[in-house]
Amino acid sequence: MEIAAKLNYYRMAPRKIKLVADFVRGKKAKEALGQLKFSTKKAAPIITKLLKSAISNAKNNLKLKDEESLYIKKITVDEGPTLKRHMPRAFGRASMIRKRTSHVKIILDEVKK
């Protein structure tokens, strides 16, 4: 049984979030929360919040009692739409600034005993 939680249109570049996502992929949920707590990356609190949401989805929607048996089966970080802005430059020119967004999805599963 798979439990999912997702975050869409988050205003951070996907490459920054992927560093943290790769760090916790495949780990047990409780172990991943502990590791994210001490991470210095800016994306760590976002992944932590999303992981807690997935755990509470498992408790409330699927009536799962033992959260120790959950592990991160899959975590994906995809690119969302890019906001395009312009910055003035010398000689009347303008350069493009791309403000990237991300879609993050976490899928948890139970460890088979």
N, C-alpha and C. Protein backbone atom coordinates (compact mmCIF):
# COMPACT_ATOMS: atom_id res chain seq x y z
N MET A 1 0.84 -1.17 0.00
CA MET A 1 0.00 0.00 0.00
C MET A 1 0.88 1.23 0.00
N GLU A 2 0.66 2.08 -0.95
CA GLU A 2 1.48 3.28 -1.11
C GLU A 2 0.76 4.51 -0.58
N ILE A 3 1.51 5.37 0.08
CA ILE A 3 0.99 6.61 0.62
C ILE A 3 1.73 7.75 -0.06
N ALA A 4 0.99 8.74 -0.57
CA ALA A 4 1.63 9.82 -1.32
C ALA A 4 1.31 11.18 -0.71
N ALA A 5 2.24 12.09 -0.90
CA ALA A 5 2.05 13.51 -0.58
C ALA A 5 2.82 14.30 -1.62
N LYS A 6 2.25 15.43 -2.04
CA LYS A 6 2.94 16.21 -3.06
C LYS A 6 2.86 17.70 -2.78
N LEU A 7 3.84 18.40 -3.30
CA LEU A 7 3.95 19.85 -3.16
C LEU A 7 4.17 20.40 -4.57
N ASN A 8 3.27 21.25 -5.02
CA ASN A 8 3.37 21.80 -6.37
C ASN A 8 3.71 23.29 -6.34
N TYR A 9 4.41 23.73 -7.35
CA TYR A 9 4.74 25.15 -7.59
C TYR A 9 5.54 25.76 -6.45
N TYR A 10 6.46 25.02 -5.87
CA TYR A 10 7.29 25.60 -4.81
C TYR A 10 8.39 26.44 -5.45
N ARG A 11 8.60 27.67 -4.95
CA ARG A 11 9.52 28.62 -5.57
C ARG A 11 10.97 28.39 -5.15
N MET A 12 11.52 27.26 -5.58
CA MET A 12 12.93 26.97 -5.40
C MET A 12 13.35 26.12 -6.60
N ALA A 13 14.56 26.30 -7.03
CA ALA A 13 15.05 25.56 -8.20
C ALA A 13 15.09 24.06 -7.91
N PRO A 14 14.69 23.23 -8.87
CA PRO A 14 14.67 21.79 -8.65
C PRO A 14 16.04 21.20 -8.33
N ARG A 15 17.11 21.78 -8.88
CA ARG A 15 18.43 21.21 -8.62
C ARG A 15 18.83 21.34 -7.16
N LYS A 16 18.32 22.36 -6.47
CA LYS A 16 18.62 22.54 -5.05
C LYS A 16 17.83 21.55 -4.19
N ILE A 17 16.60 21.27 -4.60
CA ILE A 17 15.77 20.34 -3.85
C ILE A 17 16.22 18.90 -4.10
N LYS A 18 16.71 18.62 -5.31
CA LYS A 18 17.15 17.26 -5.64
C LYS A 18 18.32 16.80 -4.77
N LEU A 19 19.17 17.73 -4.34
CA LEU A 19 20.28 17.37 -3.45
C LEU A 19 19.76 16.75 -2.15
N VAL A 20 18.72 17.35 -1.60
CA VAL A 20 18.15 16.85 -0.35
C VAL A 20 17.34 15.59 -0.61
N ALA A 21 16.62 15.53 -1.73
CA ALA A 21 15.81 14.36 -2.06
C ALA A 21 16.69 13.12 -2.25
N ASP A 22 17.83 13.27 -2.89
CA ASP A 22 18.75 12.15 -3.07
C ASP A 22 19.31 11.66 -1.73
N PHE A 23 19.42 12.59 -0.79
CA PHE A 23 19.96 12.29 0.53
C PHE A 23 19.07 11.33 1.32
N VAL A 24 17.74 11.45 1.17
CA VAL A 24 16.82 10.65 1.98
C VAL A 24 16.13 9.52 1.21
N ARG A 25 16.35 9.42 -0.07
CA ARG A 25 15.69 8.40 -0.89
C ARG A 25 16.03 6.98 -0.39
N GLY A 26 14.99 6.18 -0.17
CA GLY A 26 15.18 4.79 0.23
C GLY A 26 15.32 4.57 1.72
N LYS A 27 15.36 5.60 2.53
CA LYS A 27 15.55 5.45 3.98
C LYS A 27 14.20 5.26 4.67
N LYS A 28 14.27 4.78 5.91
CA LYS A 28 13.06 4.71 6.73
C LYS A 28 12.61 6.12 7.05
N ALA A 29 11.31 6.30 7.24
CA ALA A 29 10.74 7.63 7.43
C ALA A 29 11.29 8.31 8.68
N LYS A 30 11.37 7.60 9.79
CA LYS A 30 11.86 8.19 11.03
C LYS A 30 13.35 8.56 10.92
N GLU A 31 14.13 7.70 10.27
CA GLU A 31 15.55 7.97 10.07
C GLU A 31 15.76 9.19 9.17
N ALA A 32 14.93 9.31 8.13
CA ALA A 32 15.03 10.45 7.21
C ALA A 32 14.68 11.76 7.94
N LEU A 33 13.66 11.72 8.81
CA LEU A 33 13.30 12.92 9.57
C LEU A 33 14.46 13.37 10.47
N GLY A 34 15.13 12.40 11.08
CA GLY A 34 16.28 12.72 11.94
C GLY A 34 17.42 13.33 11.15
N GLN A 35 17.68 12.82 9.96
CA GLN A 35 18.77 13.33 9.14
C GLN A 35 18.43 14.72 8.59
N LEU A 36 17.18 14.92 8.22
CA LEU A 36 16.77 16.22 7.69
C LEU A 36 16.80 17.31 8.75
N LYS A 37 16.58 16.92 9.99
CA LYS A 37 16.57 17.88 11.08
C LYS A 37 17.91 18.61 11.21
N PHE A 38 19.00 17.90 10.92
CA PHE A 38 20.33 18.48 11.08
C PHE A 38 20.98 18.89 9.77
N SER A 39 20.22 18.86 8.68
CA SER A 39 20.75 19.28 7.39
C SER A 39 20.76 20.81 7.31
N THR A 40 21.79 21.35 6.66
CA THR A 40 21.91 22.80 6.54
C THR A 40 21.34 23.34 5.23
N LYS A 41 20.86 22.47 4.37
CA LYS A 41 20.30 22.89 3.08
C LYS A 41 18.97 23.60 3.28
N LYS A 42 18.69 24.59 2.45
CA LYS A 42 17.44 25.35 2.56
C LYS A 42 16.22 24.52 2.21
N ALA A 43 16.40 23.46 1.43
CA ALA A 43 15.27 22.62 1.03
C ALA A 43 14.91 21.59 2.09
N ALA A 44 15.74 21.41 3.11
CA ALA A 44 15.48 20.39 4.13
C ALA A 44 14.17 20.60 4.88
N PRO A 45 13.83 21.83 5.32
CA PRO A 45 12.54 21.99 6.00
C PRO A 45 11.33 21.70 5.12
N ILE A 46 11.45 21.94 3.83
CA ILE A 46 10.35 21.68 2.90
C ILE A 46 10.13 20.19 2.76
N ILE A 47 11.22 19.43 2.59
CA ILE A 47 11.12 17.98 2.47
C ILE A 47 10.63 17.39 3.80
N THR A 48 11.07 17.96 4.93
CA THR A 48 10.62 17.49 6.25
C THR A 48 9.11 17.66 6.39
N LYS A 49 8.61 18.82 6.02
CA LYS A 49 7.19 19.10 6.13
C LYS A 49 6.37 18.17 5.24
N LEU A 50 6.88 17.91 4.04
CA LEU A 50 6.19 17.02 3.11
C LEU A 50 6.21 15.58 3.61
N LEU A 51 7.31 15.16 4.19
CA LEU A 51 7.42 13.81 4.74
C LEU A 51 6.49 13.62 5.93
N LYS A 52 6.39 14.62 6.80
CA LYS A 52 5.45 14.56 7.93
C LYS A 52 4.01 14.50 7.42
N SER A 53 3.72 15.20 6.35
CA SER A 53 2.39 15.16 5.76
C SER A 53 2.06 13.77 5.24
N ALA A 54 3.03 13.12 4.59
CA ALA A 54 2.82 11.77 4.07
C ALA A 54 2.61 10.78 5.22
N ILE A 55 3.35 10.96 6.32
CA ILE A 55 3.19 10.07 7.48
C ILE A 55 1.80 10.25 8.10
N SER A 56 1.34 11.50 8.20
CA SER A 56 0.01 11.73 8.77
C SER A 56 -1.09 11.24 7.81
N ASN A 57 -0.84 11.27 6.50
CA ASN A 57 -1.77 10.68 5.54
C ASN A 57 -1.92 9.18 5.79
N ALA A 58 -0.81 8.54 6.09
CA ALA A 58 -0.84 7.10 6.37
C ALA A 58 -1.63 6.81 7.64
N LYS A 59 -1.46 7.65 8.65
CA LYS A 59 -2.16 7.45 9.92
C LYS A 59 -3.66 7.68 9.77
N ASN A 60 -4.04 8.81 9.15
CA ASN A 60 -5.45 9.19 9.09
C ASN A 60 -6.23 8.47 7.99
N ASN A 61 -5.68 8.42 6.79
CA ASN A 61 -6.44 7.86 5.67
C ASN A 61 -6.42 6.34 5.64
N LEU A 62 -5.29 5.74 5.99
CA LEU A 62 -5.17 4.28 5.90
C LEU A 62 -5.18 3.59 7.25
N LYS A 63 -5.38 4.37 8.32
CA LYS A 63 -5.45 3.84 9.69
C LYS A 63 -4.23 3.00 10.05
N LEU A 64 -3.06 3.46 9.62
CA LEU A 64 -1.81 2.77 9.92
C LEU A 64 -1.36 3.14 11.32
N LYS A 65 -1.09 2.15 12.14
CA LYS A 65 -0.73 2.41 13.53
C LYS A 65 0.79 2.48 13.73
N ASP A 66 1.52 1.64 13.01
CA ASP A 66 2.97 1.55 13.20
C ASP A 66 3.69 2.39 12.15
N GLU A 67 4.09 3.60 12.52
CA GLU A 67 4.79 4.45 11.56
C GLU A 67 6.27 4.09 11.45
N GLU A 68 6.75 3.21 12.30
CA GLU A 68 8.14 2.76 12.23
C GLU A 68 8.38 1.88 10.99
N SER A 69 7.30 1.32 10.44
CA SER A 69 7.45 0.41 9.31
C SER A 69 7.42 1.13 7.96
N LEU A 70 7.33 2.45 7.96
CA LEU A 70 7.28 3.20 6.71
C LEU A 70 8.67 3.56 6.21
N TYR A 71 8.85 3.49 4.90
CA TYR A 71 10.09 3.93 4.28
C TYR A 71 9.77 4.73 3.02
N ILE A 72 10.73 5.53 2.59
CA ILE A 72 10.53 6.36 1.39
C ILE A 72 10.80 5.50 0.16
N LYS A 73 9.73 5.11 -0.48
CA LYS A 73 9.84 4.26 -1.66
C LYS A 73 10.33 5.05 -2.87
N LYS A 74 9.75 6.25 -3.03
CA LYS A 74 10.08 7.06 -4.21
C LYS A 74 9.93 8.53 -3.85
N ILE A 75 10.85 9.33 -4.29
CA ILE A 75 10.73 10.78 -4.13
C ILE A 75 11.19 11.41 -5.44
N THR A 76 10.32 12.20 -6.02
CA THR A 76 10.63 12.82 -7.31
C THR A 76 10.56 14.34 -7.19
N VAL A 77 11.47 14.99 -7.88
CA VAL A 77 11.49 16.45 -7.95
C VAL A 77 11.47 16.83 -9.42
N ASP A 78 10.38 17.44 -9.85
CA ASP A 78 10.22 17.83 -11.24
C ASP A 78 10.20 19.35 -11.36
N GLU A 79 10.48 19.82 -12.55
CA GLU A 79 10.50 21.26 -12.79
C GLU A 79 9.09 21.75 -13.09
N GLY A 80 8.72 22.85 -12.45
CA GLY A 80 7.43 23.49 -12.70
C GLY A 80 7.62 24.62 -13.68
N PRO A 81 6.61 25.47 -13.82
CA PRO A 81 6.75 26.61 -14.73
C PRO A 81 7.78 27.61 -14.23
N THR A 82 8.44 28.26 -15.16
CA THR A 82 9.47 29.23 -14.82
C THR A 82 8.91 30.65 -14.96
N LEU A 83 9.10 31.45 -13.92
CA LEU A 83 8.71 32.86 -13.99
C LEU A 83 9.85 33.62 -14.65
N LYS A 84 9.52 34.41 -15.65
CA LYS A 84 10.56 35.13 -16.37
C LYS A 84 10.51 36.61 -16.02
N ARG A 85 11.63 37.12 -15.56
CA ARG A 85 11.75 38.53 -15.19
C ARG A 85 12.93 39.14 -15.93
N HIS A 86 12.98 40.46 -15.98
CA HIS A 86 14.08 41.14 -16.67
C HIS A 86 14.82 42.05 -15.71
N MET A 87 16.13 42.12 -15.89
CA MET A 87 16.96 43.01 -15.09
C MET A 87 17.65 43.99 -16.02
N PRO A 88 17.60 45.27 -15.71
CA PRO A 88 18.26 46.25 -16.59
C PRO A 88 19.78 46.08 -16.58
N ARG A 89 20.38 46.28 -17.74
CA ARG A 89 21.83 46.17 -17.90
C ARG A 89 22.35 47.44 -18.58
N ALA A 90 23.62 47.46 -18.83
CA ALA A 90 24.26 48.63 -19.45
C ALA A 90 23.81 48.82 -20.90
N PHE A 91 23.90 50.04 -21.37
CA PHE A 91 23.59 50.43 -22.75
C PHE A 91 22.14 50.14 -23.12
N GLY A 92 21.23 50.22 -22.16
CA GLY A 92 19.82 50.07 -22.46
C GLY A 92 19.36 48.66 -22.71
N ARG A 93 20.19 47.70 -22.39
CA ARG A 93 19.82 46.31 -22.60
C ARG A 93 19.10 45.77 -21.36
N ALA A 94 18.57 44.55 -21.49
CA ALA A 94 17.95 43.87 -20.35
C ALA A 94 18.33 42.40 -20.43
N SER A 95 18.58 41.79 -19.29
CA SER A 95 18.90 40.36 -19.28
C SER A 95 17.78 39.61 -18.56
N MET A 96 17.61 38.36 -18.96
CA MET A 96 16.53 37.52 -18.44
C MET A 96 16.93 36.91 -17.10
N ILE A 97 16.01 36.93 -16.16
CA ILE A 97 16.17 36.22 -14.89
C ILE A 97 15.09 35.16 -14.85
N ARG A 98 15.48 33.91 -14.64
CA ARG A 98 14.53 32.81 -14.58
C ARG A 98 14.32 32.41 -13.12
N LYS A 99 13.11 32.57 -12.63
CA LYS A 99 12.77 32.15 -11.28
C LYS A 99 12.06 30.81 -11.40
N ARG A 100 12.78 29.76 -11.06
CA ARG A 100 12.29 28.40 -11.30
C ARG A 100 11.40 27.90 -10.16
N THR A 101 10.46 27.03 -10.51
CA THR A 101 9.59 26.41 -9.51
C THR A 101 9.74 24.90 -9.59
N SER A 102 9.28 24.22 -8.54
CA SER A 102 9.45 22.77 -8.44
C SER A 102 8.15 22.09 -8.03
N HIS A 103 8.02 20.84 -8.47
CA HIS A 103 6.96 19.95 -8.01
C HIS A 103 7.66 18.79 -7.31
N VAL A 104 7.31 18.54 -6.05
CA VAL A 104 7.94 17.46 -5.27
C VAL A 104 6.86 16.45 -4.90
N LYS A 105 7.16 15.16 -5.06
CA LYS A 105 6.22 14.11 -4.70
C LYS A 105 6.95 13.02 -3.92
N ILE A 106 6.37 12.65 -2.77
CA ILE A 106 6.93 11.59 -1.93
C ILE A 106 5.95 10.44 -1.88
N ILE A 107 6.45 9.22 -2.08
CA ILE A 107 5.63 8.01 -1.95
C ILE A 107 6.25 7.15 -0.87
N LEU A 108 5.47 6.86 0.16
CA LEU A 108 5.90 5.98 1.25
C LEU A 108 5.29 4.61 1.06
N ASP A 109 5.94 3.61 1.62
CA ASP A 109 5.42 2.25 1.58
C ASP A 109 5.79 1.54 2.87
N GLU A 110 5.10 0.46 3.17
CA GLU A 110 5.37 -0.31 4.37
C GLU A 110 6.44 -1.36 4.09
N VAL A 111 7.29 -1.60 5.08
CA VAL A 111 8.29 -2.65 4.96
C VAL A 111 7.58 -3.99 5.15
N LYS A 112 7.80 -4.90 4.22
CA LYS A 112 7.20 -6.24 4.33
C LYS A 112 8.03 -7.08 5.30
N LYS A 113 7.36 -7.68 6.26
CA LYS A 113 8.08 -8.49 7.26
C LYS A 113 8.02 -9.97 6.92
